[in-house]
C-alpha atoms as a PDB file:
ATOM      1  CA  MET A   1       0.000   0.000   0.000  1.00  0.00           C
ATOM      2  CA  SER A   2       1.474   3.349  -1.079  1.00  0.00           C
ATOM      3  CA  GLU A   3       2.055   6.007   1.555  1.00  0.00           C
ATOM      4  CA  VAL A   4      -0.382   8.906   1.580  1.00  0.00           C
ATOM      5  CA  LYS A   5       1.141  12.163   0.347  1.00  0.00           C
ATOM      6  CA  LYS A   6       1.156  14.845   3.047  1.00  0.00           C
ATOM      7  CA  VAL A   7       1.592  18.561   2.408  1.00  0.00           C
ATOM      8  CA  ALA A   8       0.824  21.579   4.593  1.00  0.00           C
ATOM      9  CA  THR A   9      -1.869  23.912   3.272  1.00  0.00           C
ATOM     10  CA  ARG A  10       0.544  26.846   3.697  1.00  0.00           C
ATOM     11  CA  VAL A  11       2.624  25.251   0.916  1.00  0.00           C
ATOM     12  CA  GLY A  12      -0.383  25.362  -1.399  1.00  0.00           C
ATOM     13  CA  TYR A  13      -0.782  29.029  -0.487  1.00  0.00           C
ATOM     14  CA  ALA A  14       2.792  29.800  -1.528  1.00  0.00           C
ATOM     15  CA  GLU A  15       2.536  27.859  -4.784  1.00  0.00           C
ATOM     16  CA  ALA A  16      -0.650  29.691  -5.739  1.00  0.00           C
ATOM     17  CA  LEU A  17       0.912  33.075  -4.994  1.00  0.00           C
ATOM     18  CA  VAL A  18       3.771  32.346  -7.379  1.00  0.00           C
ATOM     19  CA  GLU A  19       1.377  31.230 -10.121  1.00  0.00           C
ATOM     20  CA  LEU A  20      -0.755  34.339  -9.625  1.00  0.00           C
ATOM     21  CA  GLY A  21       2.357  36.495  -9.596  1.00  0.00           C
ATOM     22  CA  LYS A  22       3.372  35.219 -13.006  1.00  0.00           C
ATOM     23  CA  GLU A  23      -0.032  35.996 -14.473  1.00  0.00           C
ATOM     24  CA  HIS A  24      -0.926  39.237 -12.713  1.00  0.00           C
ATOM     25  CA  GLU A  25       1.534  42.077 -12.140  1.00  0.00           C
ATOM     26  CA  GLU A  26      -0.840  43.748  -9.668  1.00  0.00           C
ATOM     27  CA  VAL A  27      -0.408  40.924  -7.144  1.00  0.00           C
ATOM     28  CA  VAL A  28       1.788  41.973  -4.231  1.00  0.00           C
ATOM     29  CA  VAL A  29       2.629  40.044  -1.079  1.00  0.00           C
ATOM     30  CA  LEU A  30       3.218  41.529   2.352  1.00  0.00           C
ATOM     31  CA  ASP A  31       4.718  39.718   5.306  1.00  0.00           C
ATOM     32  CA  ALA A  32       5.502  40.461   8.931  1.00  0.00           C
ATOM     33  CA  ASP A  33       8.987  39.008   9.339  1.00  0.00           C
ATOM     34  CA  LEU A  34       7.640  35.472   8.821  1.00  0.00           C
ATOM     35  CA  ALA A  35       8.280  34.802   5.133  1.00  0.00           C
ATOM     36  CA  ALA A  36       9.997  31.482   5.861  1.00  0.00           C
ATOM     37  CA  ALA A  37       7.191  30.235   8.089  1.00  0.00           C
ATOM     38  CA  THR A  38       4.298  31.465   5.942  1.00  0.00           C
ATOM     39  CA  GLN A  39       6.177  30.185   2.855  1.00  0.00           C
ATOM     40  CA  THR A  40       5.858  33.549   1.082  1.00  0.00           C
ATOM     41  CA  LYS A  41       9.637  33.455   0.693  1.00  0.00           C
ATOM     42  CA  VAL A  42       8.896  31.451  -2.462  1.00  0.00           C
ATOM     43  CA  PHE A  43       7.114  34.477  -3.914  1.00  0.00           C
ATOM     44  CA  ARG A  44       9.887  36.804  -2.703  1.00  0.00           C
ATOM     45  CA  GLU A  45      12.520  34.749  -4.507  1.00  0.00           C
ATOM     46  CA  GLN A  46      10.725  35.183  -7.833  1.00  0.00           C
ATOM     47  CA  PHE A  47       9.279  38.668  -7.394  1.00  0.00           C
ATOM     48  CA  PRO A  48      11.451  40.541  -4.861  1.00  0.00           C
ATOM     49  CA  GLU A  49      10.136  43.909  -6.062  1.00  0.00           C
ATOM     50  CA  ARG A  50       6.571  42.832  -5.246  1.00  0.00           C
ATOM     51  CA  HIS A  51       7.258  41.434  -1.789  1.00  0.00           C
ATOM     52  CA  ILE A  52       7.184  43.798   1.188  1.00  0.00           C
ATOM     53  CA  ASP A  53       8.494  42.717   4.582  1.00  0.00           C
ATOM     54  CA  CYS A  54       6.750  44.987   7.062  1.00  0.00           C
ATOM     55  CA  GLY A  55       8.620  43.641  10.072  1.00  0.00           C
ATOM     56  CA  ILE A  56       6.922  42.549  13.282  1.00  0.00           C
ATOM     57  CA  ALA A  57       4.184  45.146  12.825  1.00  0.00           C
ATOM     58  CA  GLU A  58       1.007  43.400  11.715  1.00  0.00           C
ATOM     59  CA  ALA A  59      -1.289  46.366  12.317  1.00  0.00           C
ATOM     60  CA  ASN A  60       0.914  48.553  10.141  1.00  0.00           C
ATOM     61  CA  MET A  61       1.044  45.821   7.487  1.00  0.00           C
ATOM     62  CA  THR A  62      -2.763  45.830   7.401  1.00  0.00           C
ATOM     63  CA  GLY A  63      -2.801  49.565   6.751  1.00  0.00           C
ATOM     64  CA  ILE A  64      -0.197  49.223   3.995  1.00  0.00           C
ATOM     65  CA  ALA A  65      -2.227  46.450   2.352  1.00  0.00           C
ATOM     66  CA  ALA A  66      -5.351  48.596   2.524  1.00  0.00           C
ATOM     67  CA  GLY A  67      -3.522  51.499   0.897  1.00  0.00           C
ATOM     68  CA  LEU A  68      -2.083  49.354  -1.873  1.00  0.00           C
ATOM     69  CA  SER A  69      -5.537  48.011  -2.709  1.00  0.00           C
ATOM     70  CA  THR A  70      -6.774  51.555  -3.370  1.00  0.00           C
ATOM     71  CA  CYS A  71      -3.987  51.967  -5.948  1.00  0.00           C
ATOM     72  CA  GLY A  72      -5.008  49.057  -8.143  1.00  0.00           C
ATOM     73  CA  LYS A  73      -2.891  46.405  -6.445  1.00  0.00           C
ATOM     74  CA  VAL A  74      -4.200  43.078  -5.114  1.00  0.00           C
ATOM     75  CA  PRO A  75      -2.356  42.601  -1.829  1.00  0.00           C
ATOM     76  CA  PHE A  76      -2.017  39.293   0.002  1.00  0.00           C
ATOM     77  CA  MET A  77      -0.982  40.130   3.572  1.00  0.00           C
ATOM     78  CA  SER A  78       0.501  37.169   5.400  1.00  0.00           C
ATOM     79  CA  SER A  79       1.176  36.250   8.994  1.00  0.00           C
ATOM     80  CA  PHE A  80       0.226  33.679  11.610  1.00  0.00           C
ATOM     81  CA  ALA A  81      -3.526  33.493  12.253  1.00  0.00           C
ATOM     82  CA  MET A  82      -2.995  34.657  15.826  1.00  0.00           C
ATOM     83  CA  PHE A  83      -1.487  37.888  14.531  1.00  0.00           C
ATOM     84  CA  ALA A  84      -3.429  38.430  11.298  1.00  0.00           C
ATOM     85  CA  ALA A  85      -6.839  37.867  12.886  1.00  0.00           C
ATOM     86  CA  GLY A  86      -6.004  38.512  16.524  1.00  0.00           C
ATOM     87  CA  ARG A  87      -3.415  41.233  16.922  1.00  0.00           C
ATOM     88  CA  ALA A  88      -4.547  43.195  13.848  1.00  0.00           C
ATOM     89  CA  PHE A  89      -8.302  42.699  14.292  1.00  0.00           C
ATOM     90  CA  GLU A  90      -9.131  46.377  14.694  1.00  0.00           C
ATOM     91  CA  GLN A  91      -7.131  47.347  11.621  1.00  0.00           C
ATOM     92  CA  VAL A  92      -8.633  44.505   9.569  1.00  0.00           C
ATOM     93  CA  ARG A  93     -12.113  45.569  10.641  1.00  0.00           C
ATOM     94  CA  ASN A  94     -11.733  49.308  10.154  1.00  0.00           C
ATOM     95  CA  SER A  95      -9.148  49.604   7.367  1.00  0.00           C
ATOM     96  CA  ILE A  96     -10.166  46.620   5.220  1.00  0.00           C
ATOM     97  CA  GLY A  97     -13.650  45.472   6.209  1.00  0.00           C
ATOM     98  CA  TYR A  98     -15.387  48.809   6.711  1.00  0.00           C
ATOM     99  CA  PRO A  99     -14.377  50.265   3.304  1.00  0.00           C
ATOM    100  CA  HIS A 100     -14.744  46.760   1.786  1.00  0.00           C
ATOM    101  CA  LEU A 101     -11.299  46.802   0.184  1.00  0.00           C
ATOM    102  CA  ASN A 102      -9.873  44.149  -2.103  1.00  0.00           C
ATOM    103  CA  VAL A 103      -7.332  42.734   0.375  1.00  0.00           C
ATOM    104  CA  LYS A 104      -6.612  39.035   0.883  1.00  0.00           C
ATOM    105  CA  ILE A 105      -5.424  37.825   4.282  1.00  0.00           C
ATOM    106  CA  GLY A 106      -3.258  34.700   4.227  1.00  0.00           C
ATOM    107  CA  ALA A 107      -3.306  33.437   7.814  1.00  0.00           C
ATOM    108  CA  THR A 108      -1.022  30.470   8.445  1.00  0.00           C
ATOM    109  CA  HIS A 109      -0.279  28.393  11.557  1.00  0.00           C
ATOM    110  CA  ALA A 110      -3.925  28.288  12.640  1.00  0.00           C
ATOM    111  CA  GLY A 111      -5.389  25.917  15.241  1.00  0.00           C
ATOM    112  CA  ILE A 112      -3.770  23.546  17.732  1.00  0.00           C
ATOM    113  CA  SER A 113      -1.756  21.848  14.978  1.00  0.00           C
ATOM    114  CA  VAL A 114       0.779  24.654  15.396  1.00  0.00           C
ATOM    115  CA  GLY A 115       2.005  22.202  18.035  1.00  0.00           C
ATOM    116  CA  GLU A 116       5.061  23.129  20.047  1.00  0.00           C
ATOM    117  CA  ASP A 117       4.507  26.877  19.635  1.00  0.00           C
ATOM    118  CA  GLY A 118       1.923  26.511  22.399  1.00  0.00           C
ATOM    119  CA  ALA A 119      -1.326  28.121  23.461  1.00  0.00           C
ATOM    120  CA  THR A 120      -0.333  31.718  22.689  1.00  0.00           C
ATOM    121  CA  HIS A 121       0.163  30.883  19.007  1.00  0.00           C
ATOM    122  CA  GLN A 122      -2.582  28.263  18.591  1.00  0.00           C
ATOM    123  CA  CYS A 123      -5.345  30.480  17.267  1.00  0.00           C
ATOM    124  CA  ASN A 124      -8.697  28.739  17.716  1.00  0.00           C
ATOM    125  CA  GLU A 125     -10.706  31.951  17.557  1.00  0.00           C
ATOM    126  CA  ASP A 126      -9.875  33.394  14.132  1.00  0.00           C
ATOM    127  CA  ILE A 127     -12.842  32.053  12.180  1.00  0.00           C
ATOM    128  CA  ALA A 128     -15.198  33.465  14.809  1.00  0.00           C
ATOM    129  CA  LEU A 129     -13.484  36.860  14.642  1.00  0.00           C
ATOM    130  CA  MET A 130     -13.449  37.069  10.856  1.00  0.00           C
ATOM    131  CA  ARG A 131     -17.059  35.863  10.500  1.00  0.00           C
ATOM    132  CA  THR A 132     -18.242  38.909  12.416  1.00  0.00           C
ATOM    133  CA  ILE A 133     -16.761  41.391   9.949  1.00  0.00           C
ATOM    134  CA  PRO A 134     -19.446  42.382   7.414  1.00  0.00           C
ATOM    135  CA  GLY A 135     -18.569  41.328   3.870  1.00  0.00           C
ATOM    136  CA  MET A 136     -15.548  39.228   4.870  1.00  0.00           C
ATOM    137  CA  VAL A 137     -15.261  35.877   3.057  1.00  0.00           C
ATOM    138  CA  VAL A 138     -13.803  33.115   5.256  1.00  0.00           C
ATOM    139  CA  ILE A 139     -12.108  30.080   3.692  1.00  0.00           C
ATOM    140  CA  ASN A 140     -10.492  27.074   5.408  1.00  0.00           C
ATOM    141  CA  PRO A 141      -9.134  24.536   2.863  1.00  0.00           C
ATOM    142  CA  CYS A 142      -8.808  20.840   3.651  1.00  0.00           C
ATOM    143  CA  ASP A 143      -5.546  20.141   1.800  1.00  0.00           C
ATOM    144  CA  SER A 144      -2.843  21.781  -0.301  1.00  0.00           C
ATOM    145  CA  VAL A 145      -4.729  21.233  -3.569  1.00  0.00           C
ATOM    146  CA  GLU A 146      -7.799  22.986  -2.213  1.00  0.00           C
ATOM    147  CA  ALA A 147      -5.580  25.691  -0.723  1.00  0.00           C
ATOM    148  CA  LYS A 148      -4.107  26.535  -4.144  1.00  0.00           C
ATOM    149  CA  ALA A 149      -7.540  26.672  -5.719  1.00  0.00           C
ATOM    150  CA  ALA A 150      -8.896  28.785  -2.845  1.00  0.00           C
ATOM    151  CA  VAL A 151      -6.131  31.389  -3.220  1.00  0.00           C
ATOM    152  CA  LYS A 152      -6.879  31.735  -6.922  1.00  0.00           C
ATOM    153  CA  ALA A 153     -10.597  32.045  -6.192  1.00  0.00           C
ATOM    154  CA  ALA A 154      -9.807  34.702  -3.591  1.00  0.00           C
ATOM    155  CA  TYR A 155      -7.920  36.673  -6.236  1.00  0.00           C
ATOM    156  CA  GLU A 156     -10.919  36.514  -8.571  1.00  0.00           C
ATOM    157  CA  HIS A 157     -13.280  37.684  -5.813  1.00  0.00           C
ATOM    158  CA  ASN A 158     -13.565  41.458  -5.473  1.00  0.00           C
ATOM    159  CA  GLY A 159     -13.513  42.143  -1.745  1.00  0.00           C
ATOM    160  CA  PRO A 160     -11.817  41.088   1.494  1.00  0.00           C
ATOM    161  CA  VAL A 161     -11.035  37.400   1.973  1.00  0.00           C
ATOM    162  CA  TYR A 162      -9.630  35.580   4.997  1.00  0.00           C
ATOM    163  CA  LEU A 163      -7.720  32.410   4.055  1.00  0.00           C
ATOM    164  CA  ARG A 164      -6.837  30.002   6.881  1.00  0.00           C
ATOM    165  CA  PHE A 165      -3.822  27.697   6.482  1.00  0.00           C
ATOM    166  CA  GLY A 166      -2.023  25.210   8.699  1.00  0.00           C
ATOM    167  CA  ARG A 167       1.547  24.401   9.648  1.00  0.00           C
ATOM    168  CA  LEU A 168       1.173  20.621   9.820  1.00  0.00           C
ATOM    169  CA  ALA A 169       1.631  18.462   6.730  1.00  0.00           C
ATOM    170  CA  ILE A 170      -1.710  16.700   6.183  1.00  0.00           C
ATOM    171  CA  PRO A 171      -2.989  14.117   3.664  1.00  0.00           C
ATOM    172  CA  VAL A 172      -3.707  15.356   0.151  1.00  0.00           C
ATOM    173  CA  ILE A 173      -7.191  14.041  -0.603  1.00  0.00           C
ATOM    174  CA  ASN A 174      -7.974  15.963  -3.803  1.00  0.00           C
ATOM    175  CA  ASP A 175      -6.677  15.366  -7.313  1.00  0.00           C
ATOM    176  CA  GLU A 176      -5.331  18.691  -8.596  1.00  0.00           C
ATOM    177  CA  GLU A 177      -6.118  17.992 -12.236  1.00  0.00           C
ATOM    178  CA  ASN A 178      -9.784  17.235 -11.586  1.00  0.00           C
ATOM    179  CA  TYR A 179     -10.481  19.401  -8.567  1.00  0.00           C
ATOM    180  CA  HIS A 180     -12.937  22.283  -8.937  1.00  0.00           C
ATOM    181  CA  PHE A 181     -13.270  24.983  -6.278  1.00  0.00           C
ATOM    182  CA  GLU A 182     -16.370  27.135  -6.117  1.00  0.00           C
ATOM    183  CA  LEU A 183     -16.559  29.904  -3.544  1.00  0.00           C
ATOM    184  CA  GLY A 184     -19.387  29.303  -1.079  1.00  0.00           C
ATOM    185  CA  LYS A 185     -20.177  25.784  -2.276  1.00  0.00           C
ATOM    186  CA  GLY A 186     -19.585  22.752  -0.062  1.00  0.00           C
ATOM    187  CA  ILE A 187     -18.603  19.353  -1.443  1.00  0.00           C
ATOM    188  CA  VAL A 188     -20.260  16.025  -0.628  1.00  0.00           C
ATOM    189  CA  LEU A 189     -17.364  13.598  -0.288  1.00  0.00           C
ATOM    190  CA  LYS A 190     -19.468  10.638   0.777  1.00  0.00           C
ATOM    191  CA  GLU A 191     -23.207  10.022   0.562  1.00  0.00           C
ATOM    192  CA  GLY A 192     -24.990   8.792   3.688  1.00  0.00           C
ATOM    193  CA  THR A 193     -28.391   8.380   5.285  1.00  0.00           C
ATOM    194  CA  ASP A 194     -27.970   8.109   9.067  1.00  0.00           C
ATOM    195  CA  VAL A 195     -25.932  11.177  10.036  1.00  0.00           C
ATOM    196  CA  THR A 196     -24.304  14.171   8.364  1.00  0.00           C
ATOM    197  CA  ILE A 197     -20.702  15.047   9.250  1.00  0.00           C
ATOM    198  CA  ILE A 198     -19.839  18.578   8.190  1.00  0.00           C
ATOM    199  CA  ALA A 199     -16.109  19.235   8.444  1.00  0.00           C
ATOM    200  CA  THR A 200     -13.571  21.876   7.514  1.00  0.00           C
ATOM    201  CA  GLY A 201      -9.787  22.101   7.229  1.00  0.00           C
ATOM    202  CA  LEU A 202      -7.657  19.196   8.417  1.00  0.00           C
ATOM    203  CA  CYS A 203     -10.749  17.667  10.054  1.00  0.00           C
ATOM    204  CA  VAL A 204     -12.135  16.738   6.626  1.00  0.00           C
ATOM    205  CA  ASN A 205      -9.728  13.841   6.124  1.00  0.00           C
ATOM    206  CA  GLU A 206     -10.174  12.699   9.736  1.00  0.00           C
ATOM    207  CA  SER A 207     -13.943  12.754   9.256  1.00  0.00           C
ATOM    208  CA  MET A 208     -13.667  10.660   6.114  1.00  0.00           C
ATOM    209  CA  GLU A 209     -11.638   8.080   8.019  1.00  0.00           C
ATOM    210  CA  ALA A 210     -14.180   8.155  10.851  1.00  0.00           C
ATOM    211  CA  ALA A 211     -16.966   7.571   8.323  1.00  0.00           C
ATOM    212  CA  LYS A 212     -15.221   4.380   7.179  1.00  0.00           C
ATOM    213  CA  MET A 213     -15.194   3.116  10.768  1.00  0.00           C
ATOM    214  CA  LEU A 214     -18.865   4.013  11.154  1.00  0.00           C
ATOM    215  CA  GLU A 215     -19.667   2.172   7.934  1.00  0.00           C
ATOM    216  CA  ALA A 216     -18.132  -0.973   9.405  1.00  0.00           C
ATOM    217  CA  ASP A 217     -20.604  -0.622  12.271  1.00  0.00           C
ATOM    218  CA  GLY A 218     -23.544  -0.236   9.923  1.00  0.00           C
ATOM    219  CA  ILE A 219     -23.843   3.527  10.323  1.00  0.00           C
ATOM    220  CA  SER A 220     -24.149   5.417   7.035  1.00  0.00           C
ATOM    221  CA  ALA A 221     -22.475   8.810   7.415  1.00  0.00           C
ATOM    222  CA  GLU A 222     -22.658  11.580   4.843  1.00  0.00           C
ATOM    223  CA  VAL A 223     -19.456  13.642   4.831  1.00  0.00           C
ATOM    224  CA  ILE A 224     -19.444  17.233   3.607  1.00  0.00           C
ATOM    225  CA  ASN A 225     -16.379  19.403   3.118  1.00  0.00           C
ATOM    226  CA  ILE A 226     -17.210  23.024   3.906  1.00  0.00           C
ATOM    227  CA  HIS A 227     -14.186  24.973   2.715  1.00  0.00           C
ATOM    228  CA  THR A 228     -16.038  28.300   2.653  1.00  0.00           C
ATOM    229  CA  ILE A 229     -17.452  29.028   6.083  1.00  0.00           C
ATOM    230  CA  LYS A 230     -18.692  32.451   5.033  1.00  0.00           C
ATOM    231  CA  PRO A 231     -20.739  32.575   2.890  1.00  0.00           C
ATOM    232  CA  LEU A 232     -21.955  29.174   4.059  1.00  0.00           C
ATOM    233  CA  ASP A 233     -23.543  26.732   1.602  1.00  0.00           C
ATOM    234  CA  GLU A 234     -26.904  26.828   3.375  1.00  0.00           C
ATOM    235  CA  GLU A 235     -28.690  24.869   0.663  1.00  0.00           C
ATOM    236  CA  LEU A 236     -26.351  21.887   1.032  1.00  0.00           C
ATOM    237  CA  VAL A 237     -26.454  21.979   4.833  1.00  0.00           C
ATOM    238  CA  LEU A 238     -30.262  22.062   4.866  1.00  0.00           C
ATOM    239  CA  SER A 239     -30.750  19.340   2.255  1.00  0.00           C
ATOM    240  CA  SER A 240     -28.369  16.958   4.034  1.00  0.00           C
ATOM    241  CA  ALA A 241     -29.908  17.682   7.425  1.00  0.00           C
ATOM    242  CA  LYS A 242     -33.368  16.910   6.046  1.00  0.00           C
ATOM    243  CA  LYS A 243     -32.093  13.616   4.660  1.00  0.00           C
ATOM    244  CA  THR A 244     -30.257  12.296   7.726  1.00  0.00           C
ATOM    245  CA  GLY A 245     -31.946  14.068  10.625  1.00  0.00           C
ATOM    246  CA  LYS A 246     -28.668  14.344  12.569  1.00  0.00           C
ATOM    247  CA  VAL A 247     -25.739  16.718  12.067  1.00  0.00           C
ATOM    248  CA  VAL A 248     -22.204  16.717  13.476  1.00  0.00           C
ATOM    249  CA  THR A 249     -19.750  19.541  12.768  1.00  0.00           C
ATOM    250  CA  VAL A 250     -16.004  19.005  13.093  1.00  0.00           C
ATOM    251  CA  GLU A 251     -13.408  21.788  13.171  1.00  0.00           C
ATOM    252  CA  GLU A 252      -9.930  22.593  14.444  1.00  0.00           C
ATOM    253  CA  HIS A 253     -11.324  25.728  16.042  1.00  0.00           C
ATOM    254  CA  SER A 254     -13.346  26.728  19.058  1.00  0.00           C
ATOM    255  CA  VAL A 255     -16.879  25.340  19.100  1.00  0.00           C
ATOM    256  CA  ILE A 256     -17.872  28.936  19.809  1.00  0.00           C
ATOM    257  CA  GLY A 257     -18.296  31.058  16.700  1.00  0.00           C
ATOM    258  CA  GLY A 258     -16.805  28.781  14.057  1.00  0.00           C
ATOM    259  CA  LEU A 259     -18.220  26.290  11.561  1.00  0.00           C
ATOM    260  CA  GLY A 260     -20.438  24.645  14.167  1.00  0.00           C
ATOM    261  CA  SER A 261     -21.997  27.949  15.144  1.00  0.00           C
ATOM    262  CA  ALA A 262     -22.560  28.896  11.495  1.00  0.00           C
ATOM    263  CA  VAL A 263     -24.312  25.574  10.821  1.00  0.00           C
ATOM    264  CA  ALA A 264     -26.337  25.817  14.038  1.00  0.00           C
ATOM    265  CA  ASP A 265     -27.517  29.310  13.086  1.00  0.00           C
ATOM    266  CA  VAL A 266     -28.909  28.022   9.799  1.00  0.00           C
ATOM    267  CA  LEU A 267     -30.476  24.853  11.191  1.00  0.00           C
ATOM    268  CA  SER A 268     -32.125  26.525  14.186  1.00  0.00           C
ATOM    269  CA  GLU A 269     -33.815  29.038  11.908  1.00  0.00           C
ATOM    270  CA  LYS A 270     -34.701  26.957   8.864  1.00  0.00           C
ATOM    271  CA  GLU A 271     -34.532  23.228   9.711  1.00  0.00           C
ATOM    272  CA  PRO A 272     -34.330  22.420  13.465  1.00  0.00           C
ATOM    273  CA  THR A 273     -32.139  19.320  13.638  1.00  0.00           C
ATOM    274  CA  ARG A 274     -30.339  17.356  16.336  1.00  0.00           C
ATOM    275  CA  MET A 275     -26.670  18.265  16.208  1.00  0.00           C
ATOM    276  CA  ILE A 276     -23.414  18.267  18.122  1.00  0.00           C
ATOM    277  CA  LYS A 277     -20.263  20.304  17.601  1.00  0.00           C
ATOM    278  CA  ILE A 278     -16.820  18.703  17.731  1.00  0.00           C
ATOM    279  CA  GLY A 279     -13.955  21.153  18.175  1.00  0.00           C
ATOM    280  CA  ILE A 280     -11.964  22.952  20.850  1.00  0.00           C
ATOM    281  CA  ASN A 281     -14.277  23.130  23.849  1.00  0.00           C
ATOM    282  CA  ASP A 282     -13.742  26.605  25.315  1.00  0.00           C
ATOM    283  CA  VAL A 283     -10.168  25.896  26.412  1.00  0.00           C
ATOM    284  CA  PHE A 284      -6.716  27.054  25.383  1.00  0.00           C
ATOM    285  CA  GLY A 285      -4.325  24.643  23.728  1.00  0.00           C
ATOM    286  CA  GLU A 286      -0.901  23.647  25.035  1.00  0.00           C
ATOM    287  CA  SER A 287       2.592  22.959  23.785  1.00  0.00           C
ATOM    288  CA  GLY A 288       3.156  19.515  22.279  1.00  0.00           C
ATOM    289  CA  PRO A 289       3.517  17.521  19.062  1.00  0.00           C
ATOM    290  CA  ALA A 290       0.715  18.481  16.673  1.00  0.00           C
ATOM    291  CA  VAL A 291      -0.528  14.936  16.018  1.00  0.00           C
ATOM    292  CA  GLU A 292      -0.692  14.199  19.748  1.00  0.00           C
ATOM    293  CA  LEU A 293      -2.590  17.427  20.399  1.00  0.00           C
ATOM    294  CA  ILE A 294      -5.100  16.612  17.669  1.00  0.00           C
ATOM    295  CA  LYS A 295      -5.742  13.283  19.372  1.00  0.00           C
ATOM    296  CA  LYS A 296      -5.852  14.738  22.904  1.00  0.00           C
ATOM    297  CA  TYR A 297      -8.419  17.326  21.889  1.00  0.00           C
ATOM    298  CA  GLY A 298     -10.579  14.750  20.131  1.00  0.00           C
ATOM    299  CA  LEU A 299     -10.084  15.750  16.506  1.00  0.00           C
ATOM    300  CA  ASP A 300      -8.527  12.529  15.197  1.00  0.00           C
ATOM    301  CA  ALA A 301     -10.524   9.955  13.231  1.00  0.00           C
ATOM    302  CA  GLU A 302     -10.998   7.536  16.122  1.00  0.00           C
ATOM    303  CA  SER A 303     -12.250  10.236  18.477  1.00  0.00           C
ATOM    304  CA  ILE A 304     -14.657  11.562  15.852  1.00  0.00           C
ATOM    305  CA  TYR A 305     -15.877   8.025  15.189  1.00  0.00           C
ATOM    306  CA  LYS A 306     -16.620   7.420  18.868  1.00  0.00           C
ATOM    307  CA  LYS A 307     -18.468  10.708  19.325  1.00  0.00           C
ATOM    308  CA  VAL A 308     -20.571  10.278  16.196  1.00  0.00           C
ATOM    309  CA  LYS A 309     -21.382   6.666  17.063  1.00  0.00           C
ATOM    310  CA  ALA A 310     -22.554   7.658  20.541  1.00  0.00           C
ATOM    311  CA  PHE A 311     -24.617  10.479  19.053  1.00  0.00           C
ATOM    312  CA  THR A 312     -26.416   8.195  16.603  1.00  0.00           C
ATOM    313  CA  LYS A 313     -27.560   5.681  19.226  1.00  0.00           C
END
């Protein structure tokens, strides 16, 4: 059996930036002294005149990106999620969101899979923060292939976009040649009748593996990849909920304000359905190997399997 290819979504981000840079001279990339970690160094190597290192000054970088966008440029500002969404929230809200500028935010190292960097850098609140900004698109790709496609879709979209990427190398589950990304449209990866599992980011692959275990127990799970959390694919969520009658959301993010909250908002208003949210349960993370943290906080396939199985009884 061949080994599964694993690539971090931040790598897909960097590859897409280079491809966009070759095609569009108006694409510029800003970084906050983290070009090696965010992988934007790849863009810098090819287009040094279009890469701006703003130093450890994320708020200032946000203002620079906003200014560039008013001059016909398409800026991709890059930093860790904790800094791009957390430290610079006010500037993102007021300088990018309020005037609805065409700025793309590439936020890497999101979630507990940052690992040894610890709780201060494990941003499990960024999706919640970005969802609250009017007009902000929020995307969380499940693998490097989807990440590349998402970055290109973000470029095509006129308006602010928040792109969430991870540090950890994760399984590549999409075929680049045949993959199609559509902003705001979820993807049914597996049909099912007993329960709907709606996942995002690295939890998509884990949910697919959990669904295989459930299948062995006679439980038919439908698995949906929601890469765009805002705008949410409400039609797909509602149709699947009507079919199965039970919904489970899975995310490497706080259960407060993220994918689970977005799905719950829709279901409570339009199709009341039994559901549970699997994610980070109102706690901070901790320092440790990423894979071990994913398991400890119940986001691995086996943990998801056990929770969904108990929920369907």
